[in-house]
Amino acid sequence: MRALLAFFVRVRCCDRDDAAPVTDFDGPPEEAPDDAVPWYALPEPAWADHTVIFGHWAAHGLRMGERWIATDAGCVWGHGLAAVRLPDRAVTLVKSVETAS
């Protein structure tokens, strides 16, 4: 169970061709290696009929796609803590009081 949890909180991107996890990348999606895509952008995902809500990727930032919502606004870096109200996707952002050192 611990290994599975570690996988889910560390993998940001997958290989574009075979969906293998890219484990050495933690930047924003636009800086991903050329052969990688964010895991939520893989073609024909199992969750295609659902909206996936995720966090724990501060470099990604608060963003929304048609079938995904990234809620990590970078509070650890002094940005806000985000909450998204469903189903209208209204965002509430609370400023960070302090940052991690």
N, C-alpha and C. Protein backbone atom coordinates (compact mmCIF):
# COMPACT_ATOMS: atom_id res chain seq x y z
N MET A 1 0.82 -1.19 0.00
CA MET A 1 0.00 0.00 0.00
C MET A 1 0.87 1.26 0.00
N ARG A 2 1.94 1.25 0.78
CA ARG A 2 2.82 2.41 0.85
C ARG A 2 3.44 2.72 -0.52
N ALA A 3 3.84 1.68 -1.25
CA ALA A 3 4.44 1.89 -2.57
C ALA A 3 3.42 2.47 -3.54
N LEU A 4 2.19 2.01 -3.46
CA LEU A 4 1.14 2.52 -4.33
C LEU A 4 0.86 3.99 -4.04
N LEU A 5 0.79 4.34 -2.78
CA LEU A 5 0.57 5.73 -2.40
C LEU A 5 1.74 6.60 -2.87
N ALA A 6 2.96 6.12 -2.68
CA ALA A 6 4.14 6.87 -3.14
C ALA A 6 4.08 7.11 -4.64
N PHE A 7 3.65 6.12 -5.38
CA PHE A 7 3.51 6.26 -6.84
C PHE A 7 2.52 7.38 -7.17
N PHE A 8 1.36 7.35 -6.55
CA PHE A 8 0.31 8.31 -6.89
C PHE A 8 0.67 9.75 -6.51
N VAL A 9 1.46 9.95 -5.47
CA VAL A 9 1.80 11.32 -5.09
C VAL A 9 3.05 11.84 -5.79
N ARG A 10 3.77 10.97 -6.51
CA ARG A 10 5.01 11.41 -7.17
C ARG A 10 4.93 11.48 -8.69
N VAL A 11 4.11 10.67 -9.31
CA VAL A 11 4.07 10.63 -10.78
C VAL A 11 3.26 11.82 -11.29
N ARG A 12 3.88 12.62 -12.14
CA ARG A 12 3.22 13.78 -12.72
C ARG A 12 2.90 13.55 -14.20
N CYS A 13 3.79 12.83 -14.88
CA CYS A 13 3.64 12.61 -16.32
C CYS A 13 3.84 11.15 -16.66
N CYS A 14 3.39 10.80 -17.86
CA CYS A 14 3.58 9.45 -18.39
C CYS A 14 4.16 9.55 -19.79
N ASP A 15 4.81 8.48 -20.20
CA ASP A 15 5.36 8.43 -21.55
C ASP A 15 4.23 8.53 -22.57
N ARG A 16 4.43 9.35 -23.55
CA ARG A 16 3.42 9.61 -24.58
C ARG A 16 3.04 8.35 -25.36
N ASP A 17 3.99 7.42 -25.55
CA ASP A 17 3.74 6.24 -26.37
C ASP A 17 3.19 5.04 -25.60
N ASP A 18 3.78 4.75 -24.44
CA ASP A 18 3.36 3.52 -23.74
C ASP A 18 2.76 3.76 -22.36
N ALA A 19 2.56 5.02 -21.99
CA ALA A 19 1.94 5.41 -20.72
C ALA A 19 2.75 5.02 -19.49
N ALA A 20 4.02 4.65 -19.68
CA ALA A 20 4.87 4.34 -18.53
C ALA A 20 5.08 5.61 -17.71
N PRO A 21 5.13 5.50 -16.39
CA PRO A 21 5.31 6.69 -15.56
C PRO A 21 6.67 7.34 -15.77
N VAL A 22 6.69 8.65 -15.78
CA VAL A 22 7.93 9.43 -15.83
C VAL A 22 8.16 9.89 -14.40
N THR A 23 9.11 9.29 -13.72
CA THR A 23 9.27 9.52 -12.28
C THR A 23 10.27 10.60 -11.92
N ASP A 24 11.00 11.12 -12.89
CA ASP A 24 12.04 12.10 -12.58
C ASP A 24 11.65 13.53 -12.97
N PHE A 25 10.37 13.83 -13.01
CA PHE A 25 9.90 15.16 -13.39
C PHE A 25 8.88 15.66 -12.38
N ASP A 26 9.05 16.90 -11.93
CA ASP A 26 8.06 17.47 -11.00
C ASP A 26 7.75 18.94 -11.28
N GLY A 27 8.09 19.41 -12.47
CA GLY A 27 7.81 20.80 -12.85
C GLY A 27 6.40 20.97 -13.38
N PRO A 28 6.12 22.14 -13.93
CA PRO A 28 4.80 22.37 -14.54
C PRO A 28 4.66 21.60 -15.84
N PRO A 29 3.44 21.31 -16.27
CA PRO A 29 3.22 20.50 -17.47
C PRO A 29 3.92 21.03 -18.72
N GLU A 30 3.96 22.35 -18.88
CA GLU A 30 4.58 22.90 -20.09
C GLU A 30 6.09 22.70 -20.13
N GLU A 31 6.70 22.28 -19.03
CA GLU A 31 8.13 21.99 -19.01
C GLU A 31 8.43 20.49 -19.03
N ALA A 32 7.41 19.68 -19.25
CA ALA A 32 7.59 18.23 -19.29
C ALA A 32 8.48 17.84 -20.47
N PRO A 33 9.20 16.73 -20.35
CA PRO A 33 10.00 16.25 -21.48
C PRO A 33 9.12 16.06 -22.72
N ASP A 34 9.71 16.17 -23.90
CA ASP A 34 8.96 16.08 -25.16
C ASP A 34 8.19 14.77 -25.30
N ASP A 35 8.72 13.69 -24.73
CA ASP A 35 8.07 12.39 -24.88
C ASP A 35 7.08 12.08 -23.76
N ALA A 36 6.73 13.10 -22.96
CA ALA A 36 5.85 12.89 -21.82
C ALA A 36 4.63 13.81 -21.89
N VAL A 37 3.55 13.34 -21.28
CA VAL A 37 2.33 14.14 -21.15
C VAL A 37 1.85 14.02 -19.70
N PRO A 38 1.14 15.03 -19.19
CA PRO A 38 0.57 14.86 -17.85
C PRO A 38 -0.31 13.62 -17.83
N TRP A 39 -0.30 12.91 -16.72
CA TRP A 39 -1.04 11.64 -16.64
C TRP A 39 -2.51 11.81 -17.00
N TYR A 40 -3.10 12.95 -16.70
CA TYR A 40 -4.53 13.15 -16.98
C TYR A 40 -4.81 13.43 -18.45
N ALA A 41 -3.75 13.64 -19.25
CA ALA A 41 -3.92 13.93 -20.68
C ALA A 41 -3.67 12.71 -21.56
N LEU A 42 -3.51 11.54 -20.96
CA LEU A 42 -3.33 10.33 -21.75
C LEU A 42 -4.56 10.08 -22.62
N PRO A 43 -4.37 9.56 -23.82
CA PRO A 43 -5.52 9.29 -24.68
C PRO A 43 -6.37 8.14 -24.13
N GLU A 44 -7.65 8.24 -24.31
CA GLU A 44 -8.61 7.21 -23.91
C GLU A 44 -8.45 6.77 -22.45
N PRO A 45 -8.52 7.70 -21.52
CA PRO A 45 -8.37 7.31 -20.11
C PRO A 45 -9.58 6.55 -19.59
N ALA A 46 -9.37 5.77 -18.58
CA ALA A 46 -10.45 4.99 -17.97
C ALA A 46 -11.50 5.90 -17.34
N TRP A 47 -11.12 7.13 -17.02
CA TRP A 47 -12.04 8.06 -16.36
C TRP A 47 -12.69 9.03 -17.35
N ALA A 48 -12.72 8.71 -18.61
CA ALA A 48 -13.22 9.62 -19.65
C ALA A 48 -14.64 10.12 -19.40
N ASP A 49 -15.44 9.36 -18.69
CA ASP A 49 -16.81 9.77 -18.42
C ASP A 49 -16.96 10.50 -17.08
N HIS A 50 -15.84 10.83 -16.45
CA HIS A 50 -15.86 11.45 -15.13
C HIS A 50 -14.92 12.66 -15.11
N THR A 51 -15.06 13.47 -14.10
CA THR A 51 -14.12 14.56 -13.87
C THR A 51 -13.21 14.15 -12.72
N VAL A 52 -11.91 14.20 -12.95
CA VAL A 52 -10.92 13.84 -11.94
C VAL A 52 -10.47 15.12 -11.25
N ILE A 53 -10.48 15.10 -9.93
CA ILE A 53 -10.02 16.24 -9.14
C ILE A 53 -8.77 15.79 -8.41
N PHE A 54 -7.69 16.57 -8.55
CA PHE A 54 -6.43 16.15 -7.94
C PHE A 54 -5.64 17.35 -7.45
N GLY A 55 -4.67 17.07 -6.62
CA GLY A 55 -3.75 18.07 -6.10
C GLY A 55 -2.37 17.46 -5.97
N HIS A 56 -1.59 17.97 -5.03
CA HIS A 56 -0.23 17.49 -4.76
C HIS A 56 0.69 17.65 -5.98
N TRP A 57 0.54 18.77 -6.68
CA TRP A 57 1.43 19.11 -7.79
C TRP A 57 1.50 20.63 -7.83
N ALA A 58 2.20 21.21 -6.84
CA ALA A 58 2.23 22.66 -6.67
C ALA A 58 2.76 23.39 -7.90
N ALA A 59 3.71 22.80 -8.61
CA ALA A 59 4.25 23.44 -9.81
C ALA A 59 3.21 23.51 -10.93
N HIS A 60 2.20 22.67 -10.89
CA HIS A 60 1.13 22.65 -11.88
C HIS A 60 0.25 23.87 -11.73
N GLY A 61 -0.08 24.19 -10.50
CA GLY A 61 -0.96 25.31 -10.22
C GLY A 61 -2.43 24.96 -10.35
N LEU A 62 -3.26 25.89 -9.97
CA LEU A 62 -4.71 25.73 -10.07
C LEU A 62 -5.12 25.88 -11.52
N ARG A 63 -5.61 24.81 -12.10
CA ARG A 63 -6.04 24.82 -13.51
C ARG A 63 -7.22 23.86 -13.66
N MET A 64 -7.99 24.08 -14.71
CA MET A 64 -9.12 23.20 -14.99
C MET A 64 -9.18 22.86 -16.46
N GLY A 65 -9.47 21.60 -16.73
CA GLY A 65 -9.72 21.14 -18.09
C GLY A 65 -11.15 20.63 -18.17
N GLU A 66 -11.51 20.12 -19.30
CA GLU A 66 -12.87 19.62 -19.47
C GLU A 66 -13.18 18.47 -18.51
N ARG A 67 -12.21 17.58 -18.31
CA ARG A 67 -12.42 16.39 -17.48
C ARG A 67 -11.47 16.31 -16.29
N TRP A 68 -10.87 17.43 -15.90
CA TRP A 68 -9.97 17.40 -14.75
C TRP A 68 -9.92 18.78 -14.08
N ILE A 69 -9.65 18.75 -12.78
CA ILE A 69 -9.47 19.97 -12.00
C ILE A 69 -8.24 19.76 -11.12
N ALA A 70 -7.23 20.60 -11.31
CA ALA A 70 -6.02 20.57 -10.49
C ALA A 70 -6.17 21.64 -9.41
N THR A 71 -6.24 21.23 -8.16
CA THR A 71 -6.56 22.16 -7.07
C THR A 71 -5.36 22.70 -6.31
N ASP A 72 -4.15 22.24 -6.60
CA ASP A 72 -2.98 22.70 -5.86
C ASP A 72 -2.54 24.06 -6.40
N ALA A 73 -2.82 25.11 -5.66
CA ALA A 73 -2.49 26.47 -6.10
C ALA A 73 -1.10 26.91 -5.64
N GLY A 74 -0.36 26.03 -5.01
CA GLY A 74 0.99 26.36 -4.58
C GLY A 74 1.06 27.02 -3.21
N CYS A 75 0.18 26.64 -2.31
CA CYS A 75 0.15 27.21 -0.96
C CYS A 75 1.52 27.05 -0.28
N VAL A 76 2.17 25.94 -0.52
CA VAL A 76 3.48 25.68 0.09
C VAL A 76 4.52 26.72 -0.32
N TRP A 77 4.31 27.38 -1.45
CA TRP A 77 5.23 28.41 -1.94
C TRP A 77 4.73 29.82 -1.63
N GLY A 78 3.70 29.93 -0.80
CA GLY A 78 3.18 31.24 -0.45
C GLY A 78 2.00 31.69 -1.27
N HIS A 79 1.55 30.87 -2.17
CA HIS A 79 0.35 31.19 -2.94
C HIS A 79 -0.86 30.74 -2.12
N GLY A 80 -2.01 30.74 -2.69
CA GLY A 80 -3.22 30.44 -1.92
C GLY A 80 -3.54 28.96 -1.79
N LEU A 81 -4.46 28.70 -0.88
CA LEU A 81 -5.06 27.38 -0.72
C LEU A 81 -6.39 27.44 -1.44
N ALA A 82 -6.60 26.55 -2.39
CA ALA A 82 -7.77 26.62 -3.26
C ALA A 82 -8.84 25.61 -2.89
N ALA A 83 -10.07 26.03 -3.09
CA ALA A 83 -11.23 25.15 -3.00
C ALA A 83 -12.08 25.39 -4.24
N VAL A 84 -12.61 24.33 -4.80
CA VAL A 84 -13.44 24.44 -6.00
C VAL A 84 -14.83 23.90 -5.66
N ARG A 85 -15.83 24.74 -5.86
CA ARG A 85 -17.21 24.33 -5.59
C ARG A 85 -17.76 23.62 -6.83
N LEU A 86 -18.36 22.48 -6.59
CA LEU A 86 -18.97 21.72 -7.68
C LEU A 86 -20.47 21.90 -7.62
N PRO A 87 -21.19 21.88 -8.70
CA PRO A 87 -20.75 21.60 -10.06
C PRO A 87 -20.36 22.82 -10.88
N ASP A 88 -20.47 24.03 -10.31
CA ASP A 88 -20.22 25.23 -11.13
C ASP A 88 -18.75 25.62 -11.24
N ARG A 89 -17.86 24.95 -10.51
CA ARG A 89 -16.42 25.17 -10.56
C ARG A 89 -16.00 26.56 -10.08
N ALA A 90 -16.79 27.15 -9.23
CA ALA A 90 -16.41 28.43 -8.64
C ALA A 90 -15.22 28.19 -7.70
N VAL A 91 -14.23 29.08 -7.76
CA VAL A 91 -13.00 28.92 -6.99
C VAL A 91 -12.97 29.89 -5.82
N THR A 92 -12.58 29.38 -4.66
CA THR A 92 -12.28 30.21 -3.49
C THR A 92 -10.80 30.03 -3.20
N LEU A 93 -10.09 31.14 -3.06
CA LEU A 93 -8.65 31.10 -2.82
C LEU A 93 -8.35 31.86 -1.53
N VAL A 94 -7.69 31.19 -0.58
CA VAL A 94 -7.31 31.79 0.69
C VAL A 94 -5.80 31.94 0.68
N LYS A 95 -5.31 33.15 0.94
CA LYS A 95 -3.87 33.40 0.92
C LYS A 95 -3.14 32.58 1.98
N SER A 96 -1.93 32.18 1.65
CA SER A 96 -1.08 31.44 2.56
C SER A 96 -0.56 32.37 3.66
N VAL A 97 -0.47 31.86 4.87
CA VAL A 97 0.04 32.65 5.98
C VAL A 97 1.56 32.60 6.02
N GLU A 98 2.13 31.45 5.72
CA GLU A 98 3.58 31.31 5.69
C GLU A 98 3.96 30.27 4.65
N THR A 99 5.24 30.24 4.31
CA THR A 99 5.70 29.30 3.29
C THR A 99 6.63 28.26 3.91
N ALA A 100 6.78 27.16 3.20
CA ALA A 100 7.72 26.13 3.62
C ALA A 100 9.13 26.64 3.37
N SER A 101 10.06 26.24 4.20
CA SER A 101 11.44 26.68 3.99
C SER A 101 12.31 25.56 3.49
